[in-house]
N, C-alpha and C. Protein backbone atom coordinates (compact mmCIF):
# COMPACT_ATOMS: atom_id res chain seq x y z
N MET A 1 -4.01 17.72 120.47
CA MET A 1 -4.58 19.16 120.01
C MET A 1 -5.76 19.01 119.24
N GLN A 2 -6.41 20.26 119.33
CA GLN A 2 -7.74 20.25 118.54
C GLN A 2 -7.78 21.55 117.81
N PHE A 3 -8.40 21.50 116.65
CA PHE A 3 -8.80 22.68 115.93
C PHE A 3 -10.19 22.87 115.63
N SER A 4 -10.79 24.14 115.80
CA SER A 4 -12.10 24.28 115.81
C SER A 4 -12.47 25.69 115.53
N HIS A 5 -13.75 25.92 115.31
CA HIS A 5 -14.40 27.39 115.19
C HIS A 5 -15.12 27.58 116.30
N SER A 6 -15.30 28.88 116.89
CA SER A 6 -16.04 29.00 117.97
C SER A 6 -17.71 28.92 117.54
N ASN A 7 -18.47 28.76 118.48
CA ASN A 7 -19.81 28.71 118.24
C ASN A 7 -20.43 30.10 117.61
N ALA A 8 -19.74 31.09 118.05
CA ALA A 8 -20.18 32.37 117.53
C ALA A 8 -19.72 32.59 116.05
N ILE A 9 -18.73 32.01 115.49
CA ILE A 9 -18.32 32.03 114.17
C ILE A 9 -19.41 31.12 113.32
N TRP A 10 -19.70 30.09 113.85
CA TRP A 10 -20.61 29.11 113.10
C TRP A 10 -22.07 29.94 113.11
N GLN A 11 -22.44 30.58 114.04
CA GLN A 11 -23.60 31.28 114.07
C GLN A 11 -23.67 32.45 113.14
N ALA A 12 -22.58 33.14 113.01
CA ALA A 12 -22.50 34.26 112.14
C ALA A 12 -22.25 33.96 110.71
N PHE A 13 -21.56 32.73 110.47
CA PHE A 13 -21.35 32.38 109.03
C PHE A 13 -21.73 30.78 108.93
N PRO A 14 -23.06 30.55 109.05
CA PRO A 14 -23.65 29.07 108.91
C PRO A 14 -23.21 28.57 107.62
N GLU A 15 -22.89 29.24 106.60
CA GLU A 15 -22.60 28.73 105.25
C GLU A 15 -21.02 28.36 105.22
N LEU A 16 -20.32 28.57 106.23
CA LEU A 16 -18.94 28.10 106.19
C LEU A 16 -18.80 26.70 106.31
N ARG A 17 -17.85 26.25 105.48
CA ARG A 17 -17.42 24.77 105.40
C ARG A 17 -15.75 24.78 105.47
N ALA A 18 -15.20 24.02 106.18
CA ALA A 18 -13.86 23.82 106.34
C ALA A 18 -13.26 22.51 106.40
N GLY A 19 -12.23 22.42 105.95
CA GLY A 19 -11.48 21.13 105.94
C GLY A 19 -10.14 21.14 106.68
N ALA A 20 -9.75 20.25 107.49
CA ALA A 20 -8.43 20.24 108.25
C ALA A 20 -7.57 19.08 107.89
N LEU A 21 -6.36 19.18 107.94
CA LEU A 21 -5.51 17.99 107.66
C LEU A 21 -4.16 18.17 108.54
N HIS A 22 -3.84 16.99 109.30
CA HIS A 22 -2.54 17.08 110.13
C HIS A 22 -1.61 16.09 109.41
N ALA A 23 -0.39 16.43 109.25
CA ALA A 23 0.62 15.53 108.78
C ALA A 23 1.91 15.71 109.49
N GLY A 24 2.68 14.48 109.65
CA GLY A 24 4.02 14.64 110.01
C GLY A 24 4.90 14.26 109.00
N GLY A 25 6.24 14.14 109.25
CA GLY A 25 7.20 13.80 108.33
C GLY A 25 7.45 14.74 107.21
N ILE A 26 7.21 15.82 107.47
CA ILE A 26 7.41 17.04 106.56
C ILE A 26 9.01 17.39 106.44
N HIS A 27 9.53 17.69 105.38
CA HIS A 27 10.86 18.07 105.15
C HIS A 27 10.88 19.11 103.89
N ALA A 28 12.17 19.93 103.82
CA ALA A 28 12.25 20.79 102.80
C ALA A 28 12.92 20.38 101.52
N ASP A 29 13.00 19.02 101.28
CA ASP A 29 13.73 18.62 100.20
C ASP A 29 12.89 18.02 99.03
N ALA A 30 11.57 18.10 99.15
CA ALA A 30 10.60 17.37 98.24
C ALA A 30 10.60 18.27 96.93
N ASP A 31 10.55 17.56 95.76
CA ASP A 31 10.44 18.32 94.48
C ASP A 31 9.08 18.34 94.05
N VAL A 32 8.47 19.46 94.11
CA VAL A 32 7.02 19.61 93.92
C VAL A 32 6.85 20.45 92.64
N GLU A 33 7.77 20.83 91.71
CA GLU A 33 7.57 21.70 90.68
C GLU A 33 6.63 21.16 89.65
N ALA A 34 6.61 19.81 89.34
CA ALA A 34 5.63 19.32 88.32
C ALA A 34 4.25 19.50 88.74
N ALA A 35 3.97 19.27 90.04
CA ALA A 35 2.65 19.39 90.68
C ALA A 35 2.22 20.81 90.82
N ILE A 36 3.14 21.75 90.99
CA ILE A 36 2.80 23.16 91.09
C ILE A 36 2.27 23.63 89.67
N ALA A 37 3.08 23.08 88.62
CA ALA A 37 2.81 23.50 87.21
C ALA A 37 1.35 22.96 86.84
N ASP A 38 0.91 21.85 87.22
CA ASP A 38 -0.28 21.33 86.90
C ASP A 38 -1.41 22.29 87.59
N PHE A 39 -1.16 22.60 88.93
CA PHE A 39 -2.17 23.47 89.53
C PHE A 39 -2.26 24.90 88.98
N ASN A 40 -0.98 25.43 88.66
CA ASN A 40 -1.00 26.70 88.01
C ASN A 40 -1.65 26.76 86.64
N ALA A 41 -1.66 25.70 85.90
CA ALA A 41 -2.49 25.53 84.74
C ALA A 41 -3.97 25.62 84.92
N ILE A 42 -4.41 25.10 85.96
CA ILE A 42 -5.86 25.31 86.10
C ILE A 42 -6.24 26.75 86.54
N ALA A 43 -5.39 27.35 87.37
CA ALA A 43 -5.54 28.79 87.64
C ALA A 43 -5.50 29.58 86.43
N ASP A 44 -4.56 29.31 85.58
CA ASP A 44 -4.50 30.02 84.38
C ASP A 44 -5.60 29.98 83.39
N ALA A 45 -6.25 28.91 83.43
CA ALA A 45 -7.35 28.62 82.56
C ALA A 45 -8.55 29.35 82.95
N ARG A 46 -8.65 29.40 84.35
CA ARG A 46 -9.78 30.16 85.04
C ARG A 46 -9.66 31.65 84.70
N LEU A 47 -8.38 32.01 85.01
CA LEU A 47 -8.03 33.48 84.90
C LEU A 47 -8.12 33.97 83.47
N ALA A 48 -7.87 33.06 82.53
CA ALA A 48 -8.10 33.44 81.01
C ALA A 48 -9.49 33.86 80.68
N LYS A 49 -10.60 33.52 81.46
CA LYS A 49 -11.92 33.76 81.20
C LYS A 49 -12.51 34.90 81.86
N VAL A 50 -12.26 35.08 83.28
CA VAL A 50 -12.54 36.22 84.07
C VAL A 50 -11.44 36.54 85.18
N GLN A 51 -11.41 37.63 85.67
CA GLN A 51 -10.42 37.89 86.84
C GLN A 51 -11.02 37.41 88.01
N GLU A 52 -9.91 37.22 88.99
CA GLU A 52 -10.33 36.45 90.26
C GLU A 52 -11.55 37.00 90.95
N GLY A 53 -11.73 38.38 90.88
CA GLY A 53 -12.80 38.98 91.56
C GLY A 53 -14.21 38.49 91.17
N GLU A 54 -14.23 37.91 89.97
CA GLU A 54 -15.51 37.30 89.51
C GLU A 54 -15.79 35.96 89.92
N PHE A 55 -14.79 35.24 90.49
CA PHE A 55 -15.00 33.88 90.90
C PHE A 55 -15.96 33.82 92.25
N PRO A 56 -16.79 32.89 92.21
CA PRO A 56 -17.85 32.68 93.21
C PRO A 56 -17.11 32.61 94.65
N GLU A 57 -15.99 31.71 94.65
CA GLU A 57 -15.27 31.50 95.86
C GLU A 57 -14.82 32.90 96.49
N ILE A 58 -14.18 33.80 95.55
CA ILE A 58 -13.72 35.14 96.04
C ILE A 58 -14.86 35.90 96.50
N GLN A 59 -15.85 36.01 95.54
CA GLN A 59 -16.94 36.91 95.81
C GLN A 59 -17.72 36.50 97.21
N ALA A 60 -17.68 35.19 97.62
CA ALA A 60 -18.26 35.00 98.87
C ALA A 60 -17.44 35.40 100.08
N TRP A 61 -16.11 35.32 99.89
CA TRP A 61 -15.26 35.84 100.90
C TRP A 61 -15.34 37.36 101.01
N ARG A 62 -15.43 37.98 99.94
CA ARG A 62 -15.49 39.37 100.01
C ARG A 62 -16.90 39.87 100.76
N ARG A 63 -17.98 39.17 100.47
CA ARG A 63 -19.21 39.37 101.31
C ARG A 63 -18.84 39.12 102.76
N GLY A 64 -18.03 38.11 103.00
CA GLY A 64 -17.88 37.65 104.38
C GLY A 64 -17.03 38.72 105.11
N PHE A 65 -16.05 39.33 104.40
CA PHE A 65 -15.26 40.45 105.01
C PHE A 65 -16.07 41.60 105.17
N SER A 66 -17.00 41.95 104.33
CA SER A 66 -17.91 43.10 104.57
C SER A 66 -18.61 42.78 105.62
N ARG A 67 -19.20 41.71 105.91
CA ARG A 67 -19.86 41.34 107.13
C ARG A 67 -19.10 41.53 108.44
N MET A 68 -17.72 41.48 108.29
CA MET A 68 -16.84 41.62 109.35
C MET A 68 -16.44 42.98 109.61
N GLY A 69 -17.00 43.89 108.78
CA GLY A 69 -16.65 45.29 108.87
C GLY A 69 -15.39 45.66 108.20
N LEU A 70 -15.02 44.93 107.30
CA LEU A 70 -13.80 45.28 106.61
C LEU A 70 -13.98 45.63 105.13
N LYS A 71 -13.16 46.36 104.56
CA LYS A 71 -13.30 46.77 103.12
C LYS A 71 -12.55 45.52 102.30
N PRO A 72 -13.42 44.90 101.51
CA PRO A 72 -12.91 43.74 100.87
C PRO A 72 -11.98 43.76 99.95
N THR A 73 -11.78 45.09 99.31
CA THR A 73 -10.61 45.43 98.44
C THR A 73 -9.39 45.90 99.15
N GLN A 74 -9.48 46.22 100.36
CA GLN A 74 -8.35 46.55 101.27
C GLN A 74 -7.72 45.46 102.03
N TYR A 75 -8.60 44.60 102.43
CA TYR A 75 -8.16 43.33 103.12
C TYR A 75 -8.72 42.11 102.35
N ARG A 76 -7.87 41.47 101.66
CA ARG A 76 -8.36 40.41 100.74
C ARG A 76 -7.97 38.94 101.45
N CYS A 77 -9.03 37.92 101.23
CA CYS A 77 -8.59 36.62 101.71
C CYS A 77 -7.32 36.04 101.01
N ALA A 78 -6.72 35.20 101.58
CA ALA A 78 -5.35 34.76 101.08
C ALA A 78 -5.34 34.20 99.61
N SER A 79 -6.36 33.60 99.29
CA SER A 79 -6.48 33.00 97.96
C SER A 79 -6.71 34.15 96.86
N GLU A 80 -7.47 35.23 97.20
CA GLU A 80 -7.53 36.24 96.37
C GLU A 80 -6.28 37.00 96.04
N ALA A 81 -5.54 37.17 97.15
CA ALA A 81 -4.29 37.81 97.13
C ALA A 81 -3.30 37.05 96.26
N LEU A 82 -3.36 35.72 96.39
CA LEU A 82 -2.33 34.86 95.61
C LEU A 82 -2.78 34.99 94.16
N LEU A 83 -4.08 34.81 93.95
CA LEU A 83 -4.60 34.98 92.57
C LEU A 83 -4.21 36.22 91.81
N ARG A 84 -4.38 37.28 92.62
CA ARG A 84 -4.05 38.64 92.12
C ARG A 84 -2.66 38.71 91.60
N ARG A 85 -1.80 38.25 92.59
CA ARG A 85 -0.35 38.30 92.13
C ARG A 85 -0.05 37.43 91.17
N PHE A 86 -0.64 36.15 91.07
CA PHE A 86 -0.33 35.24 90.02
C PHE A 86 -0.71 35.83 88.60
N ARG A 87 -1.94 36.45 88.71
CA ARG A 87 -2.34 36.93 87.33
C ARG A 87 -1.45 38.06 86.89
N GLN A 88 -0.95 38.95 87.84
CA GLN A 88 0.07 39.98 87.42
C GLN A 88 1.46 39.64 87.17
N GLU A 89 1.89 38.60 87.79
CA GLU A 89 3.26 38.22 87.75
C GLU A 89 3.46 36.84 87.12
N HIS A 90 2.38 36.16 86.85
CA HIS A 90 2.46 34.79 86.19
C HIS A 90 3.28 33.70 87.03
N ALA A 91 3.60 33.91 88.38
CA ALA A 91 4.23 33.03 89.14
C ALA A 91 4.09 33.50 90.52
N LEU A 92 4.56 32.66 91.47
CA LEU A 92 4.45 33.03 92.79
C LEU A 92 5.88 32.72 93.44
N PRO A 93 6.38 33.43 94.52
CA PRO A 93 7.82 33.25 94.96
C PRO A 93 7.79 31.89 95.66
N ARG A 94 9.00 31.25 95.59
CA ARG A 94 9.18 29.83 96.23
C ARG A 94 9.47 30.15 97.77
N LEU A 95 8.95 29.47 98.68
CA LEU A 95 9.33 29.70 100.08
C LEU A 95 9.63 28.39 100.69
N HIS A 96 8.85 27.35 100.50
CA HIS A 96 9.16 26.06 101.09
C HIS A 96 8.30 25.08 100.22
N PRO A 97 8.86 23.85 99.93
CA PRO A 97 8.11 22.99 99.01
C PRO A 97 6.53 22.78 99.36
N LEU A 98 6.24 22.66 100.74
CA LEU A 98 5.01 22.52 101.07
C LEU A 98 4.17 23.67 101.06
N ILE A 99 4.61 24.82 101.35
CA ILE A 99 3.96 26.04 101.17
C ILE A 99 3.54 26.46 99.74
N ASP A 100 4.73 26.15 98.90
CA ASP A 100 4.62 26.39 97.40
C ASP A 100 3.53 25.51 96.89
N LEU A 101 3.50 24.22 97.33
CA LEU A 101 2.48 23.30 96.77
C LEU A 101 1.10 23.80 97.28
N CYS A 102 0.97 24.07 98.46
CA CYS A 102 -0.50 24.42 99.10
C CYS A 102 -0.86 25.89 98.55
N ASN A 103 0.03 26.75 98.12
CA ASN A 103 -0.31 27.82 97.41
C ASN A 103 -0.83 27.67 95.91
N ALA A 104 -0.15 26.82 95.36
CA ALA A 104 -0.63 26.32 94.01
C ALA A 104 -1.97 25.63 94.06
N ILE A 105 -2.32 24.84 95.08
CA ILE A 105 -3.49 24.22 95.23
C ILE A 105 -4.51 25.29 95.48
N SER A 106 -4.34 26.24 96.42
CA SER A 106 -5.14 27.33 96.68
C SER A 106 -5.55 28.21 95.36
N LEU A 107 -4.50 28.45 94.54
CA LEU A 107 -4.72 28.91 93.27
C LEU A 107 -5.74 28.24 92.37
N ALA A 108 -5.64 26.89 92.42
CA ALA A 108 -6.38 26.09 91.48
C ALA A 108 -7.76 26.11 92.05
N PHE A 109 -7.97 26.13 93.27
CA PHE A 109 -9.39 25.92 93.90
C PHE A 109 -9.99 27.46 94.29
N ALA A 110 -9.12 28.48 94.32
CA ALA A 110 -9.41 29.78 94.65
C ALA A 110 -10.05 29.77 96.15
N ILE A 111 -9.54 28.93 96.98
CA ILE A 111 -9.89 28.71 98.27
C ILE A 111 -8.60 29.05 99.26
N PRO A 112 -8.78 29.68 100.27
CA PRO A 112 -7.66 30.05 101.16
C PRO A 112 -7.27 28.72 101.75
N VAL A 113 -5.87 28.51 102.00
CA VAL A 113 -5.29 27.30 102.56
C VAL A 113 -4.21 27.89 103.43
N ALA A 114 -4.39 27.61 104.77
CA ALA A 114 -3.34 27.91 105.87
C ALA A 114 -2.63 26.80 106.26
N VAL A 115 -1.21 27.04 106.39
CA VAL A 115 -0.44 25.91 106.92
C VAL A 115 0.30 26.30 108.08
N PHE A 116 0.12 25.69 109.29
CA PHE A 116 0.71 25.95 110.48
C PHE A 116 1.72 25.00 110.86
N ASP A 117 2.85 25.41 111.51
CA ASP A 117 3.77 24.53 112.03
C ASP A 117 3.25 24.10 113.52
N THR A 118 2.79 22.84 113.71
CA THR A 118 2.13 22.54 115.06
C THR A 118 2.99 22.68 116.26
N GLU A 119 4.25 22.63 116.11
CA GLU A 119 5.12 22.79 117.16
C GLU A 119 5.16 24.16 117.82
N LYS A 120 4.58 25.04 116.99
CA LYS A 120 4.59 26.50 117.55
C LYS A 120 3.17 26.97 118.11
N ILE A 121 2.23 25.98 118.03
CA ILE A 121 1.00 26.30 118.52
C ILE A 121 0.88 25.78 120.09
N VAL A 122 0.34 26.68 120.98
CA VAL A 122 0.35 26.31 122.25
C VAL A 122 -1.13 25.78 122.60
N GLY A 123 -1.29 24.53 122.91
CA GLY A 123 -2.60 23.88 123.30
C GLY A 123 -3.51 23.88 121.97
N ASP A 124 -4.73 24.19 122.11
CA ASP A 124 -5.62 24.08 120.94
C ASP A 124 -5.58 25.27 120.16
N LEU A 125 -6.12 25.32 118.85
CA LEU A 125 -6.17 26.30 118.00
C LEU A 125 -7.68 26.58 117.57
N GLU A 126 -8.20 27.79 117.72
CA GLU A 126 -9.63 28.11 117.55
C GLU A 126 -9.67 29.37 116.69
N VAL A 127 -10.65 29.29 115.78
CA VAL A 127 -11.05 30.51 115.02
C VAL A 127 -12.20 31.15 115.87
N ARG A 128 -11.80 32.40 116.35
CA ARG A 128 -12.79 33.15 117.26
C ARG A 128 -12.56 34.56 117.13
N ARG A 129 -13.52 35.30 117.77
CA ARG A 129 -13.32 36.72 117.90
C ARG A 129 -12.23 36.99 119.01
N ALA A 130 -11.49 38.10 118.53
CA ALA A 130 -10.42 38.47 119.40
C ALA A 130 -10.76 39.32 120.70
N GLY A 131 -10.14 39.11 121.71
CA GLY A 131 -10.36 40.10 122.78
C GLY A 131 -9.65 41.47 122.65
N GLY A 132 -8.37 41.35 121.91
CA GLY A 132 -7.67 42.51 121.67
C GLY A 132 -6.35 42.41 122.50
N ASP A 133 -6.09 41.51 123.33
CA ASP A 133 -4.96 41.34 124.14
C ASP A 133 -3.92 40.32 123.37
N GLU A 134 -4.56 39.47 122.44
CA GLU A 134 -3.73 38.55 121.95
C GLU A 134 -2.45 39.03 121.28
N THR A 135 -1.49 38.18 120.92
CA THR A 135 -0.17 38.65 120.44
C THR A 135 -0.05 38.09 119.04
N TYR A 136 0.22 38.88 118.12
CA TYR A 136 0.52 38.57 116.67
C TYR A 136 1.87 39.03 116.29
N LEU A 137 2.63 37.97 115.77
CA LEU A 137 3.92 38.19 115.34
C LEU A 137 4.00 38.28 113.86
N THR A 138 4.44 39.47 113.28
CA THR A 138 4.39 39.69 111.93
C THR A 138 5.61 38.88 111.20
N PHE A 139 5.65 38.81 110.06
CA PHE A 139 6.88 38.06 109.36
C PHE A 139 8.20 38.89 109.44
N GLY A 140 7.91 40.15 109.79
CA GLY A 140 9.07 41.09 110.03
C GLY A 140 9.55 41.06 111.37
N GLY A 141 8.90 40.31 112.27
CA GLY A 141 9.40 40.25 113.60
C GLY A 141 8.72 41.25 114.57
N GLU A 142 7.67 42.05 114.10
CA GLU A 142 7.05 42.95 114.86
C GLU A 142 5.91 42.43 115.67
N ILE A 143 5.60 42.97 116.73
CA ILE A 143 4.44 42.34 117.71
C ILE A 143 3.10 43.40 117.27
N GLU A 144 1.98 42.67 116.98
CA GLU A 144 0.82 43.43 116.80
C GLU A 144 -0.17 42.82 117.82
N HIS A 145 -1.31 43.65 118.17
CA HIS A 145 -2.40 43.09 118.84
C HIS A 145 -3.66 43.21 117.93
N PRO A 146 -4.50 42.24 117.57
CA PRO A 146 -5.63 42.33 116.85
C PRO A 146 -6.68 43.20 117.47
N GLU A 147 -7.49 43.85 116.74
CA GLU A 147 -8.58 44.67 117.20
C GLU A 147 -9.48 43.77 117.92
N PRO A 148 -10.14 44.31 118.88
CA PRO A 148 -11.17 43.60 119.61
C PRO A 148 -12.37 43.24 118.78
N ASN A 149 -12.83 42.01 118.68
CA ASN A 149 -13.91 41.39 117.86
C ASN A 149 -13.19 41.07 116.42
N GLU A 150 -12.08 41.24 116.26
CA GLU A 150 -11.47 40.77 114.90
C GLU A 150 -11.49 39.27 114.99
N VAL A 151 -11.64 38.64 113.74
CA VAL A 151 -11.57 37.03 113.66
C VAL A 151 -10.23 36.69 113.69
N ILE A 152 -9.77 35.90 114.46
CA ILE A 152 -8.38 35.38 114.38
C ILE A 152 -8.32 33.89 114.67
N PHE A 153 -7.14 33.38 114.45
CA PHE A 153 -6.69 31.95 114.75
C PHE A 153 -6.06 32.18 116.07
N ALA A 154 -6.60 31.72 117.23
CA ALA A 154 -6.03 31.88 118.52
C ALA A 154 -5.71 30.57 119.16
N ASP A 155 -4.54 30.56 119.91
CA ASP A 155 -4.15 29.30 120.60
C ASP A 155 -4.39 29.38 122.13
N GLY A 156 -3.95 28.44 122.92
CA GLY A 156 -4.20 28.45 124.29
C GLY A 156 -3.28 29.47 125.08
N GLY A 157 -2.17 29.82 124.30
CA GLY A 157 -1.20 30.82 124.79
C GLY A 157 -1.63 32.29 124.53
N GLU A 158 -2.79 32.52 123.88
CA GLU A 158 -3.07 33.80 123.48
C GLU A 158 -2.35 34.35 122.36
N ASN A 159 -1.70 33.44 121.51
CA ASN A 159 -1.15 33.90 120.29
C ASN A 159 -2.16 33.91 119.31
N ALA A 160 -2.04 34.94 118.36
CA ALA A 160 -2.99 34.98 117.16
C ALA A 160 -2.13 34.51 116.02
N HIS A 161 -2.49 33.28 115.45
CA HIS A 161 -1.72 32.77 114.39
C HIS A 161 -2.25 33.17 112.98
N ALA A 162 -3.30 33.98 112.94
CA ALA A 162 -3.88 34.71 111.73
C ALA A 162 -4.63 35.82 112.06
N ARG A 163 -4.64 36.86 111.44
CA ARG A 163 -5.47 38.11 111.55
C ARG A 163 -6.49 38.18 110.41
N ARG A 164 -7.57 38.78 110.89
CA ARG A 164 -8.60 39.09 109.84
C ARG A 164 -8.95 37.79 109.14
N TRP A 165 -9.10 36.66 109.96
CA TRP A 165 -9.55 35.33 109.54
C TRP A 165 -8.65 34.81 108.47
N THR A 166 -9.08 34.95 107.22
CA THR A 166 -8.14 34.40 106.06
C THR A 166 -7.24 35.39 105.33
N ASN A 167 -7.01 36.50 106.09
CA ASN A 167 -6.32 37.59 105.39
C ASN A 167 -4.83 37.43 105.53
N ARG A 168 -4.27 37.12 106.72
CA ARG A 168 -2.96 37.16 106.94
C ARG A 168 -2.48 36.27 108.15
N GLN A 169 -1.57 35.39 107.87
CA GLN A 169 -0.95 34.34 108.89
C GLN A 169 0.12 35.15 109.48
N SER A 170 0.49 34.47 110.84
CA SER A 170 1.45 35.00 111.57
C SER A 170 2.83 34.24 111.31
N GLY A 171 3.90 35.05 111.53
CA GLY A 171 5.23 34.47 111.41
C GLY A 171 5.74 33.53 112.34
N LEU A 172 4.85 33.54 113.51
CA LEU A 172 5.26 32.60 114.64
C LEU A 172 5.11 31.15 114.21
N SER A 173 4.03 30.76 113.52
CA SER A 173 3.86 29.29 113.06
C SER A 173 4.07 29.04 111.64
N ALA A 174 4.75 30.04 110.95
CA ALA A 174 5.16 29.77 109.62
C ALA A 174 5.87 28.58 109.42
N VAL A 175 5.72 27.83 108.25
CA VAL A 175 6.72 26.71 108.04
C VAL A 175 8.03 27.13 107.56
N ARG A 176 8.89 26.50 108.33
CA ARG A 176 10.40 26.71 108.13
C ARG A 176 11.09 25.56 107.60
N PRO A 177 12.34 25.52 107.35
CA PRO A 177 13.00 24.33 106.94
C PRO A 177 13.06 23.21 107.97
N ALA A 178 13.05 23.66 109.25
CA ALA A 178 13.08 22.58 110.33
C ALA A 178 11.60 21.98 110.69
N THR A 179 10.57 22.55 110.09
CA THR A 179 9.30 22.06 110.48
C THR A 179 9.11 20.58 109.98
N HIS A 180 8.42 19.85 110.87
CA HIS A 180 8.13 18.48 110.75
C HIS A 180 6.73 18.11 110.68
N SER A 181 5.93 18.83 111.46
CA SER A 181 4.60 18.53 111.65
C SER A 181 3.71 19.68 111.43
N VAL A 182 2.61 19.60 110.55
CA VAL A 182 1.84 20.64 110.27
C VAL A 182 0.29 20.50 110.36
N LEU A 183 -0.38 21.59 110.55
CA LEU A 183 -1.77 21.58 110.49
C LEU A 183 -2.19 22.51 109.30
N ILE A 184 -3.05 21.82 108.39
CA ILE A 184 -3.34 22.60 107.08
C ILE A 184 -4.99 22.81 107.32
N VAL A 185 -5.30 24.01 106.96
CA VAL A 185 -6.72 24.42 107.15
C VAL A 185 -7.27 25.04 105.80
N ALA A 186 -8.41 24.70 105.24
CA ALA A 186 -9.00 25.40 104.19
C ALA A 186 -10.44 25.73 104.59
N GLU A 187 -10.85 26.88 104.15
CA GLU A 187 -12.28 27.41 104.47
C GLU A 187 -12.84 28.15 103.32
N ALA A 188 -14.07 27.89 103.21
CA ALA A 188 -14.81 28.56 102.16
C ALA A 188 -16.36 28.91 102.57
N LEU A 189 -16.75 29.77 101.85
CA LEU A 189 -18.21 30.41 102.18
C LEU A 189 -19.10 30.26 100.94
N HIS A 190 -18.64 29.94 99.83
CA HIS A 190 -19.42 29.96 98.59
C HIS A 190 -20.49 28.70 98.46
N ALA A 191 -21.36 28.65 97.58
CA ALA A 191 -22.53 27.75 97.61
C ALA A 191 -22.15 26.44 97.55
N SER A 192 -21.08 25.98 96.74
CA SER A 192 -20.64 24.56 96.72
C SER A 192 -19.44 24.37 97.54
N ALA A 193 -19.25 25.18 98.61
CA ALA A 193 -18.10 25.09 99.44
C ALA A 193 -17.82 23.58 100.08
N GLY A 194 -18.98 22.97 100.48
CA GLY A 194 -18.74 21.60 101.18
C GLY A 194 -18.11 20.71 100.09
N ASP A 195 -18.58 20.50 98.89
CA ASP A 195 -17.94 19.68 97.87
C ASP A 195 -16.53 20.01 97.58
N ASP A 196 -16.40 21.34 97.25
CA ASP A 196 -15.12 21.91 96.95
C ASP A 196 -14.08 21.68 98.04
N ILE A 197 -14.38 21.94 99.20
CA ILE A 197 -13.51 21.76 100.29
C ILE A 197 -13.09 20.16 100.49
N ALA A 198 -13.93 19.37 100.33
CA ALA A 198 -13.79 17.88 100.32
C ALA A 198 -12.75 17.60 99.26
N ARG A 199 -12.97 18.09 97.97
CA ARG A 199 -11.92 17.77 96.99
C ARG A 199 -10.60 18.34 97.18
N LEU A 200 -10.61 19.51 97.77
CA LEU A 200 -9.30 20.24 98.09
C LEU A 200 -8.49 19.32 99.15
N VAL A 201 -9.27 19.00 100.15
CA VAL A 201 -8.65 18.18 101.20
C VAL A 201 -7.97 16.91 100.67
N GLU A 202 -8.82 16.22 99.78
CA GLU A 202 -8.33 15.02 99.20
C GLU A 202 -7.15 15.21 98.38
N THR A 203 -7.20 16.45 97.52
CA THR A 203 -5.96 16.69 96.75
C THR A 203 -4.70 16.95 97.53
N VAL A 204 -4.94 17.72 98.67
CA VAL A 204 -3.75 18.00 99.50
C VAL A 204 -3.26 16.63 100.03
N ALA A 205 -4.07 15.65 100.55
CA ALA A 205 -3.57 14.52 101.26
C ALA A 205 -2.96 13.69 100.24
N ASN A 206 -3.34 13.49 98.98
CA ASN A 206 -2.84 12.81 97.85
C ASN A 206 -1.26 13.43 97.51
N ALA A 207 -1.35 14.75 97.49
CA ALA A 207 -0.05 15.39 97.16
C ALA A 207 1.00 15.08 98.32
N LEU A 208 0.43 15.20 99.56
CA LEU A 208 1.45 14.83 100.66
C LEU A 208 1.91 13.35 100.63
N ALA A 209 0.96 12.56 100.19
CA ALA A 209 1.50 11.02 100.10
C ALA A 209 2.46 10.87 98.99
N ARG A 210 2.40 11.61 97.97
CA ARG A 210 3.35 11.48 96.90
C ARG A 210 4.79 12.17 97.17
N HIS A 211 4.81 13.20 98.05
CA HIS A 211 6.07 13.99 98.05
C HIS A 211 6.49 13.93 99.31
N TRP A 212 5.99 13.27 100.36
CA TRP A 212 6.45 13.28 101.69
C TRP A 212 6.00 11.94 102.32
N PRO A 213 6.89 11.30 103.19
CA PRO A 213 6.43 10.13 103.91
C PRO A 213 5.55 10.45 105.01
N ALA A 214 4.31 11.06 104.74
CA ALA A 214 3.56 11.63 105.69
C ALA A 214 2.27 10.97 106.03
N ALA A 215 2.15 10.65 107.20
CA ALA A 215 0.94 10.02 107.75
C ALA A 215 -0.12 11.16 108.06
N THR A 216 -1.22 11.13 107.27
CA THR A 216 -2.14 12.35 107.43
C THR A 216 -3.50 11.89 108.04
N LYS A 217 -3.99 12.85 108.74
CA LYS A 217 -5.42 12.72 109.30
C LYS A 217 -6.16 13.72 108.79
N THR A 218 -7.40 13.47 108.29
CA THR A 218 -8.25 14.64 107.78
C THR A 218 -9.55 14.70 108.41
N ALA A 219 -10.17 15.86 108.22
CA ALA A 219 -11.65 16.05 108.81
C ALA A 219 -12.35 17.13 107.94
N MET A 220 -13.67 16.95 107.83
CA MET A 220 -14.43 18.01 107.29
C MET A 220 -15.12 18.68 108.48
N LEU A 221 -15.18 19.92 108.54
CA LEU A 221 -15.71 20.53 109.71
C LEU A 221 -17.07 21.36 109.17
N SER A 222 -18.03 21.37 109.96
CA SER A 222 -19.39 22.01 109.86
C SER A 222 -19.98 22.27 111.16
N PRO A 223 -21.17 22.91 111.05
CA PRO A 223 -21.76 23.12 112.45
C PRO A 223 -22.05 21.97 113.05
N VAL A 224 -22.36 20.77 112.45
CA VAL A 224 -22.75 19.63 113.20
C VAL A 224 -21.49 18.70 113.42
N SER A 225 -20.28 19.01 112.99
CA SER A 225 -19.10 18.35 113.22
C SER A 225 -17.96 19.36 113.24
N PRO A 226 -17.89 20.23 114.36
CA PRO A 226 -17.01 21.52 114.29
C PRO A 226 -15.77 21.21 114.85
N ARG A 227 -15.22 19.98 115.31
CA ARG A 227 -13.92 19.89 115.86
C ARG A 227 -12.95 18.81 115.11
N PHE A 228 -11.56 19.21 115.08
CA PHE A 228 -10.69 18.19 114.49
C PHE A 228 -9.62 17.91 115.52
N GLU A 229 -9.56 16.72 116.02
CA GLU A 229 -8.54 16.29 116.94
C GLU A 229 -7.46 15.51 116.33
N PHE A 230 -6.18 15.96 116.65
CA PHE A 230 -5.16 15.37 116.01
C PHE A 230 -3.93 15.16 116.93
């Protein structure tokens, strides 16, 4: 399998930096609460100084959403949505140990982190513009079709695994108790994105090694190295 961004995405967003990680051996029995508390403390410290909308990581995604023709306060990148909820409620709901951990890491870095069940992906996965015929399954079980030209995560079966790029993932490839193999993707647009994504990927890999018997493969993606084979 392969994960990549289309040439058109790299051309439109040359500042994009992304990291990808594949891991097997995932299960729902890991105890990640101590790690979550550590990452939450990092987010708390940042939010004590300024709200998430002032973070450079979030501001860069807001500009990116504006360039996609979206209102950035109507459609937020995943990390902004998490930070906003965390600031208001001082906690996030628990879903699955891996998702809970990656959400906490996303809070700490203010960078969107997507986690996909690879068994639900048909062929390769690509971030690209939608044709409009792709199928998106909501978490409520409803079928949607992305708008033509919308940025989506699309597989070889014309399934949209995320809509509006980093705004909303699909229920189709959501991590469940039976999930064993995952693809984790982090993307950023801000000035220090390259260094921050590298630290984030290393952080996720180390966390996986501590909490799961997971053999991981990682990659940093850029215009000169745009593909991750796993």
